[in-house]
PDB file of N, CA and C in Angstrom:
ATOM      1  N   UNK A   1     -90.176 -51.917 -52.675  1.00  0.00           N
ATOM      2  CA  UNK A   1     -88.788 -51.775 -52.385  1.00  0.00           C
ATOM      3  C   UNK A   1     -89.022 -52.243 -51.001  1.00  0.00           C
ATOM      4  N   UNK A   2     -87.500 -53.390 -50.780  1.00  0.00           N
ATOM      5  CA  UNK A   2     -87.545 -53.905 -49.226  1.00  0.00           C
ATOM      6  C   UNK A   2     -87.011 -52.822 -48.409  1.00  0.00           C
ATOM      7  N   UNK A   3     -87.547 -53.588 -47.208  1.00  0.00           N
ATOM      8  CA  UNK A   3     -87.211 -52.408 -45.947  1.00  0.00           C
ATOM      9  C   UNK A   3     -85.365 -52.941 -45.729  1.00  0.00           C
ATOM     10  N   UNK A   4     -84.985 -51.632 -45.446  1.00  0.00           N
ATOM     11  CA  UNK A   4     -83.440 -51.362 -44.935  1.00  0.00           C
ATOM     12  C   UNK A   4     -82.987 -51.209 -43.635  1.00  0.00           C
ATOM     13  N   UNK A   5     -82.847 -52.012 -43.016  1.00  0.00           N
ATOM     14  CA  UNK A   5     -82.893 -52.220 -41.285  1.00  0.00           C
ATOM     15  C   UNK A   5     -81.629 -51.444 -41.370  1.00  0.00           C
ATOM     16  N   UNK A   6     -81.809 -50.784 -40.234  1.00  0.00           N
ATOM     17  CA  UNK A   6     -80.052 -50.004 -39.755  1.00  0.00           C
ATOM     18  C   UNK A   6     -79.742 -48.767 -40.462  1.00  0.00           C
ATOM     19  N   UNK A   7     -80.757 -48.361 -41.707  1.00  0.00           N
ATOM     20  CA  UNK A   7     -80.173 -47.363 -42.419  1.00  0.00           C
ATOM     21  C   UNK A   7     -80.219 -45.965 -41.477  1.00  0.00           C
ATOM     22  N   UNK A   8     -81.185 -46.066 -40.557  1.00  0.00           N
ATOM     23  CA  UNK A   8     -81.182 -44.335 -39.630  1.00  0.00           C
ATOM     24  C   UNK A   8     -80.378 -44.400 -39.178  1.00  0.00           C
ATOM     25  N   UNK A   9     -79.287 -45.402 -38.606  1.00  0.00           N
ATOM     26  CA  UNK A   9     -78.324 -45.495 -37.364  1.00  0.00           C
ATOM     27  C   UNK A   9     -76.599 -45.729 -38.532  1.00  0.00           C
ATOM     28  N   UNK A  10     -77.098 -45.449 -39.889  1.00  0.00           N
ATOM     29  CA  UNK A  10     -76.077 -45.885 -40.659  1.00  0.00           C
ATOM     30  C   UNK A  10     -75.006 -47.487 -40.816  1.00  0.00           C
ATOM     31  N   UNK A  11     -75.988 -48.237 -40.435  1.00  0.00           N
ATOM     32  CA  UNK A  11     -75.523 -49.453 -40.314  1.00  0.00           C
ATOM     33  C   UNK A  11     -75.808 -50.612 -41.592  1.00  0.00           C
ATOM     34  N   UNK A  12     -75.018 -51.205 -41.792  1.00  0.00           N
ATOM     35  CA  UNK A  12     -75.027 -52.015 -43.314  1.00  0.00           C
ATOM     36  C   UNK A  12     -75.598 -53.183 -43.317  1.00  0.00           C
ATOM     37  N   UNK A  13     -77.020 -53.449 -43.032  1.00  0.00           N
ATOM     38  CA  UNK A  13     -77.731 -54.813 -43.032  1.00  0.00           C
ATOM     39  C   UNK A  13     -78.161 -55.403 -44.216  1.00  0.00           C
ATOM     40  N   UNK A  14     -78.762 -56.756 -44.444  1.00  0.00           N
ATOM     41  CA  UNK A  14     -78.859 -57.230 -45.782  1.00  0.00           C
ATOM     42  C   UNK A  14     -80.496 -56.542 -45.533  1.00  0.00           C
ATOM     43  N   UNK A  15     -81.236 -56.496 -46.762  1.00  0.00           N
ATOM     44  CA  UNK A  15     -82.309 -55.926 -47.190  1.00  0.00           C
ATOM     45  C   UNK A  15     -83.683 -57.094 -46.827  1.00  0.00           C
ATOM     46  N   UNK A  16     -84.664 -56.613 -46.315  1.00  0.00           N
ATOM     47  CA  UNK A  16     -85.567 -57.698 -45.786  1.00  0.00           C
ATOM     48  C   UNK A  16     -86.835 -57.494 -46.890  1.00  0.00           C
ATOM     49  N   UNK A  17     -87.447 -58.811 -47.550  1.00  0.00           N
ATOM     50  CA  UNK A  17     -88.890 -58.392 -47.946  1.00  0.00           C
ATOM     51  C   UNK A  17     -88.640 -58.114 -49.421  1.00  0.00           C
ATOM     52  N   UNK A  18     -90.174 -57.898 -49.736  1.00  0.00           N
ATOM     53  CA  UNK A  18     -90.263 -56.949 -51.121  1.00  0.00           C
ATOM     54  C   UNK A  18     -90.714 -55.736 -51.021  1.00  0.00           C
ATOM     55  N   UNK A  19     -91.534 -55.494 -49.943  1.00  0.00           N
ATOM     56  CA  UNK A  19     -92.227 -54.441 -49.517  1.00  0.00           C
ATOM     57  C   UNK A  19     -91.886 -53.815 -48.017  1.00  0.00           C
ATOM     58  N   UNK A  20     -92.173 -52.423 -48.040  1.00  0.00           N
ATOM     59  CA  UNK A  20     -92.125 -51.757 -46.388  1.00  0.00           C
ATOM     60  C   UNK A  20     -93.117 -50.651 -46.734  1.00  0.00           C
ATOM     61  N   UNK A  21     -93.167 -50.830 -44.981  1.00  0.00           N
ATOM     62  CA  UNK A  21     -94.196 -49.606 -44.594  1.00  0.00           C
ATOM     63  C   UNK A  21     -93.050 -48.619 -43.694  1.00  0.00           C
ATOM     64  N   UNK A  22     -92.878 -47.753 -44.064  1.00  0.00           N
ATOM     65  CA  UNK A  22     -91.918 -46.977 -43.263  1.00  0.00           C
ATOM     66  C   UNK A  22     -92.479 -45.839 -41.994  1.00  0.00           C
ATOM     67  N   UNK A  23     -92.123 -45.887 -41.092  1.00  0.00           N
ATOM     68  CA  UNK A  23     -93.099 -44.899 -39.816  1.00  0.00           C
ATOM     69  C   UNK A  23     -91.876 -44.091 -39.589  1.00  0.00           C
ATOM     70  N   UNK A  24     -92.090 -42.636 -39.800  1.00  0.00           N
ATOM     71  CA  UNK A  24     -90.986 -41.762 -39.216  1.00  0.00           C
ATOM     72  C   UNK A  24     -91.739 -41.226 -37.997  1.00  0.00           C
ATOM     73  N   UNK A  25     -90.571 -41.571 -36.589  1.00  0.00           N
ATOM     74  CA  UNK A  25     -90.367 -41.010 -35.385  1.00  0.00           C
ATOM     75  C   UNK A  25     -90.031 -39.892 -34.713  1.00  0.00           C
ATOM     76  N   UNK A  26     -89.130 -39.568 -35.774  1.00  0.00           N
ATOM     77  CA  UNK A  26     -88.089 -38.304 -35.312  1.00  0.00           C
ATOM     78  C   UNK A  26     -87.781 -37.690 -36.515  1.00  0.00           C
ATOM     79  N   UNK A  27     -86.922 -36.651 -36.297  1.00  0.00           N
ATOM     80  CA  UNK A  27     -86.463 -35.740 -37.208  1.00  0.00           C
ATOM     81  C   UNK A  27     -85.011 -36.288 -37.651  1.00  0.00           C
ATOM     82  N   UNK A  28     -84.660 -36.082 -38.980  1.00  0.00           N
ATOM     83  CA  UNK A  28     -83.029 -36.489 -39.450  1.00  0.00           C
ATOM     84  C   UNK A  28     -81.871 -35.292 -39.055  1.00  0.00           C
ATOM     85  N   UNK A  29     -81.100 -35.784 -38.810  1.00  0.00           N
ATOM     86  CA  UNK A  29     -79.682 -34.933 -38.630  1.00  0.00           C
ATOM     87  C   UNK A  29     -78.602 -35.257 -38.598  1.00  0.00           C
ATOM     88  N   UNK A  30     -77.373 -34.658 -37.682  1.00  0.00           N
ATOM     89  CA  UNK A  30     -76.185 -34.806 -37.515  1.00  0.00           C
ATOM     90  C   UNK A  30     -76.223 -36.222 -36.805  1.00  0.00           C
ATOM     91  N   UNK A  31     -76.636 -36.168 -35.528  1.00  0.00           N
ATOM     92  CA  UNK A  31     -76.966 -36.928 -34.408  1.00  0.00           C
ATOM     93  C   UNK A  31     -77.761 -37.983 -34.803  1.00  0.00           C
ATOM     94  N   UNK A  32     -77.939 -38.738 -35.792  1.00  0.00           N
ATOM     95  CA  UNK A  32     -79.105 -39.409 -36.155  1.00  0.00           C
ATOM     96  C   UNK A  32     -79.555 -40.535 -34.651  1.00  0.00           C
ATOM     97  N   UNK A  33     -78.213 -41.160 -34.006  1.00  0.00           N
ATOM     98  CA  UNK A  33     -78.524 -42.336 -33.601  1.00  0.00           C
ATOM     99  C   UNK A  33     -78.359 -41.590 -31.815  1.00  0.00           C
ATOM    100  N   UNK A  34     -78.067 -40.452 -31.494  1.00  0.00           N
ATOM    101  CA  UNK A  34     -78.470 -39.746 -30.239  1.00  0.00           C
ATOM    102  C   UNK A  34     -80.039 -39.504 -30.587  1.00  0.00           C
ATOM    103  N   UNK A  35     -80.396 -38.931 -31.760  1.00  0.00           N
ATOM    104  CA  UNK A  35     -82.412 -38.563 -31.765  1.00  0.00           C
ATOM    105  C   UNK A  35     -82.890 -40.119 -31.459  1.00  0.00           C
ATOM    106  N   UNK A  36     -82.217 -41.027 -32.064  1.00  0.00           N
ATOM    107  CA  UNK A  36     -83.293 -42.428 -31.973  1.00  0.00           C
ATOM    108  C   UNK A  36     -83.090 -42.675 -30.553  1.00  0.00           C
ATOM    109  N   UNK A  37     -82.090 -42.730 -29.741  1.00  0.00           N
ATOM    110  CA  UNK A  37     -81.966 -42.749 -28.592  1.00  0.00           C
ATOM    111  C   UNK A  37     -82.927 -42.235 -27.697  1.00  0.00           C
ATOM    112  N   UNK A  38     -83.230 -41.293 -27.890  1.00  0.00           N
ATOM    113  CA  UNK A  38     -84.055 -40.239 -27.206  1.00  0.00           C
ATOM    114  C   UNK A  38     -85.602 -39.944 -27.651  1.00  0.00           C
ATOM    115  N   UNK A  39     -85.722 -40.913 -28.694  1.00  0.00           N
ATOM    116  CA  UNK A  39     -87.016 -40.883 -29.112  1.00  0.00           C
ATOM    117  C   UNK A  39     -87.959 -41.663 -28.234  1.00  0.00           C
ATOM    118  N   UNK A  40     -89.106 -41.227 -27.195  1.00  0.00           N
ATOM    119  CA  UNK A  40     -89.945 -41.979 -26.660  1.00  0.00           C
ATOM    120  C   UNK A  40     -90.652 -42.931 -27.055  1.00  0.00           C
ATOM    121  N   UNK A  41     -90.385 -44.138 -26.153  1.00  0.00           N
ATOM    122  CA  UNK A  41     -91.117 -45.350 -26.941  1.00  0.00           C
ATOM    123  C   UNK A  41     -92.525 -45.698 -27.014  1.00  0.00           C
ATOM    124  N   UNK A  42     -93.235 -44.620 -26.430  1.00  0.00           N
ATOM    125  CA  UNK A  42     -94.606 -44.669 -26.394  1.00  0.00           C
ATOM    126  C   UNK A  42     -94.919 -43.853 -28.167  1.00  0.00           C
ATOM    127  N   UNK A  43     -94.163 -43.113 -28.919  1.00  0.00           N
ATOM    128  CA  UNK A  43     -94.352 -42.701 -29.949  1.00  0.00           C
ATOM    129  C   UNK A  43     -93.858 -43.439 -30.868  1.00  0.00           C
ATOM    130  N   UNK A  44     -93.055 -44.766 -30.559  1.00  0.00           N
ATOM    131  CA  UNK A  44     -92.881 -45.748 -31.588  1.00  0.00           C
ATOM    132  C   UNK A  44     -93.884 -46.497 -31.556  1.00  0.00           C
ATOM    133  N   UNK A  45     -94.237 -47.294 -30.492  1.00  0.00           N
ATOM    134  CA  UNK A  45     -95.482 -47.970 -30.244  1.00  0.00           C
ATOM    135  C   UNK A  45     -96.780 -47.588 -30.713  1.00  0.00           C
ATOM    136  N   UNK A  46     -97.140 -46.189 -30.664  1.00  0.00           N
ATOM    137  CA  UNK A  46     -98.420 -45.664 -31.213  1.00  0.00           C
ATOM    138  C   UNK A  46     -98.356 -45.987 -32.685  1.00  0.00           C
ATOM    139  N   UNK A  47     -97.358 -45.359 -32.958  1.00  0.00           N
ATOM    140  CA  UNK A  47     -97.084 -45.787 -34.817  1.00  0.00           C
ATOM    141  C   UNK A  47     -97.092 -46.910 -35.032  1.00  0.00           C
ATOM    142  N   UNK A  48     -96.550 -47.871 -34.275  1.00  0.00           N
ATOM    143  CA  UNK A  48     -96.498 -49.139 -34.673  1.00  0.00           C
ATOM    144  C   UNK A  48     -98.208 -49.898 -34.587  1.00  0.00           C
ATOM    145  N   UNK A  49     -98.715 -49.360 -33.501  1.00  0.00           N
ATOM    146  CA  UNK A  49    -100.286 -49.329 -33.487  1.00  0.00           C
ATOM    147  C   UNK A  49    -101.182 -49.187 -34.498  1.00  0.00           C
ATOM    148  N   UNK A  50    -100.637 -48.194 -35.159  1.00  0.00           N
ATOM    149  CA  UNK A  50    -101.792 -47.265 -36.046  1.00  0.00           C
ATOM    150  C   UNK A  50    -101.228 -47.985 -37.695  1.00  0.00           C
ATOM    151  N   UNK A  51     -99.720 -48.586 -37.607  1.00  0.00           N
ATOM    152  CA  UNK A  51     -99.771 -49.347 -38.837  1.00  0.00           C
ATOM    153  C   UNK A  51    -100.393 -50.613 -38.842  1.00  0.00           C
ATOM    154  N   UNK A  52    -100.142 -51.311 -37.875  1.00  0.00           N
ATOM    155  CA  UNK A  52    -100.985 -52.713 -37.453  1.00  0.00           C
ATOM    156  C   UNK A  52    -102.453 -52.704 -37.820  1.00  0.00           C
ATOM    157  N   UNK A  53    -102.996 -51.381 -37.360  1.00  0.00           N
ATOM    158  CA  UNK A  53    -104.730 -51.548 -37.415  1.00  0.00           C
ATOM    159  C   UNK A  53    -104.987 -50.926 -38.881  1.00  0.00           C
ATOM    160  N   UNK A  54    -103.834 -50.344 -39.580  1.00  0.00           N
ATOM    161  CA  UNK A  54    -104.096 -50.186 -41.100  1.00  0.00           C
ATOM    162  C   UNK A  54    -104.070 -51.367 -42.016  1.00  0.00           C
ATOM    163  N   UNK A  55    -102.890 -52.266 -41.553  1.00  0.00           N
ATOM    164  CA  UNK A  55    -103.290 -53.426 -42.125  1.00  0.00           C
ATOM    165  C   UNK A  55    -104.025 -54.169 -42.002  1.00  0.00           C
ATOM    166  N   UNK A  56    -104.726 -54.199 -40.641  1.00  0.00           N
ATOM    167  CA  UNK A  56    -105.672 -55.235 -40.290  1.00  0.00           C
ATOM    168  C   UNK A  56    -107.057 -54.810 -40.983  1.00  0.00           C
ATOM    169  N   UNK A  57    -106.939 -53.224 -41.311  1.00  0.00           N
ATOM    170  CA  UNK A  57    -108.410 -52.740 -41.978  1.00  0.00           C
ATOM    171  C   UNK A  57    -108.318 -53.429 -43.389  1.00  0.00           C
ATOM    172  N   UNK A  58    -106.835 -53.364 -43.989  1.00  0.00           N
ATOM    173  CA  UNK A  58    -106.918 -53.486 -45.356  1.00  0.00           C
ATOM    174  C   UNK A  58    -107.292 -55.050 -45.510  1.00  0.00           C
ATOM    175  N   UNK A  59    -106.554 -56.127 -44.805  1.00  0.00           N
ATOM    176  CA  UNK A  59    -106.759 -57.115 -45.095  1.00  0.00           C
ATOM    177  C   UNK A  59    -108.112 -57.804 -44.938  1.00  0.00           C
ATOM    178  N   UNK A  60    -109.002 -57.147 -43.787  1.00  0.00           N
ATOM    179  CA  UNK A  60    -110.130 -57.185 -43.445  1.00  0.00           C
ATOM    180  C   UNK A  60    -111.334 -57.415 -44.635  1.00  0.00           C
ATOM    181  N   UNK A  61    -110.785 -55.740 -45.503  1.00  0.00           N
ATOM    182  CA  UNK A  61    -111.707 -55.351 -46.353  1.00  0.00           C
ATOM    183  C   UNK A  61    -111.466 -56.048 -47.653  1.00  0.00           C
ATOM    184  N   UNK A  62    -110.205 -56.179 -47.768  1.00  0.00           N
ATOM    185  CA  UNK A  62    -109.962 -57.367 -49.360  1.00  0.00           C
ATOM    186  C   UNK A  62    -110.409 -58.672 -48.781  1.00  0.00           C
ATOM    187  N   UNK A  63    -110.512 -59.336 -47.659  1.00  0.00           N
ATOM    188  CA  UNK A  63    -111.280 -60.789 -47.575  1.00  0.00           C
ATOM    189  C   UNK A  63    -112.646 -60.705 -47.857  1.00  0.00           C
ATOM    190  N   UNK A  64    -113.457 -59.361 -47.429  1.00  0.00           N
ATOM    191  CA  UNK A  64    -114.741 -59.572 -47.745  1.00  0.00           C
ATOM    192  C   UNK A  64    -115.135 -58.908 -49.331  1.00  0.00           C
ATOM    193  N   UNK A  65    -114.206 -58.554 -49.594  1.00  0.00           N
ATOM    194  CA  UNK A  65    -114.381 -58.067 -51.263  1.00  0.00           C
ATOM    195  C   UNK A  65    -114.312 -59.577 -51.891  1.00  0.00           C
ATOM    196  N   UNK A  66    -113.171 -60.283 -51.697  1.00  0.00           N
ATOM    197  CA  UNK A  66    -112.960 -61.623 -52.392  1.00  0.00           C
ATOM    198  C   UNK A  66    -114.156 -62.757 -51.783  1.00  0.00           C
ATOM    199  N   UNK A  67    -114.733 -62.406 -50.728  1.00  0.00           N
ATOM    200  CA  UNK A  67    -115.799 -63.635 -50.475  1.00  0.00           C
ATOM    201  C   UNK A  67    -117.215 -63.106 -51.193  1.00  0.00           C
ATOM    202  N   UNK A  68    -117.268 -62.270 -51.607  1.00  0.00           N
ATOM    203  CA  UNK A  68    -118.669 -62.004 -52.169  1.00  0.00           C
ATOM    204  C   UNK A  68    -119.225 -62.559 -53.503  1.00  0.00           C
ATOM    205  N   UNK A  69    -120.383 -63.357 -53.438  1.00  0.00           N
ATOM    206  CA  UNK A  69    -120.818 -64.434 -54.325  1.00  0.00           C
ATOM    207  C   UNK A  69    -121.244 -63.455 -55.444  1.00  0.00           C
ATOM    208  N   UNK A  70    -121.152 -63.734 -56.906  1.00  0.00           N
ATOM    209  CA  UNK A  70    -121.599 -63.256 -57.786  1.00  0.00           C
ATOM    210  C   UNK A  70    -122.818 -64.177 -58.373  1.00  0.00           C
TER     211      UNK A  70
END
């Protein structure tokens, strides 16, 4: 499923890519824009780091599996 940027703040933007990883940094509610504005940047950056480390781990693991000689 492609990424839908702007969805959390009710913006209608074109979809991006073929796959996506979603990170939830706050609850959803009536004042979603205000909640997003009050989310600590540290929380967002920590989540982004975790996602990047997960992707890196997968890439390294899959490249090792593909380089094994039989």
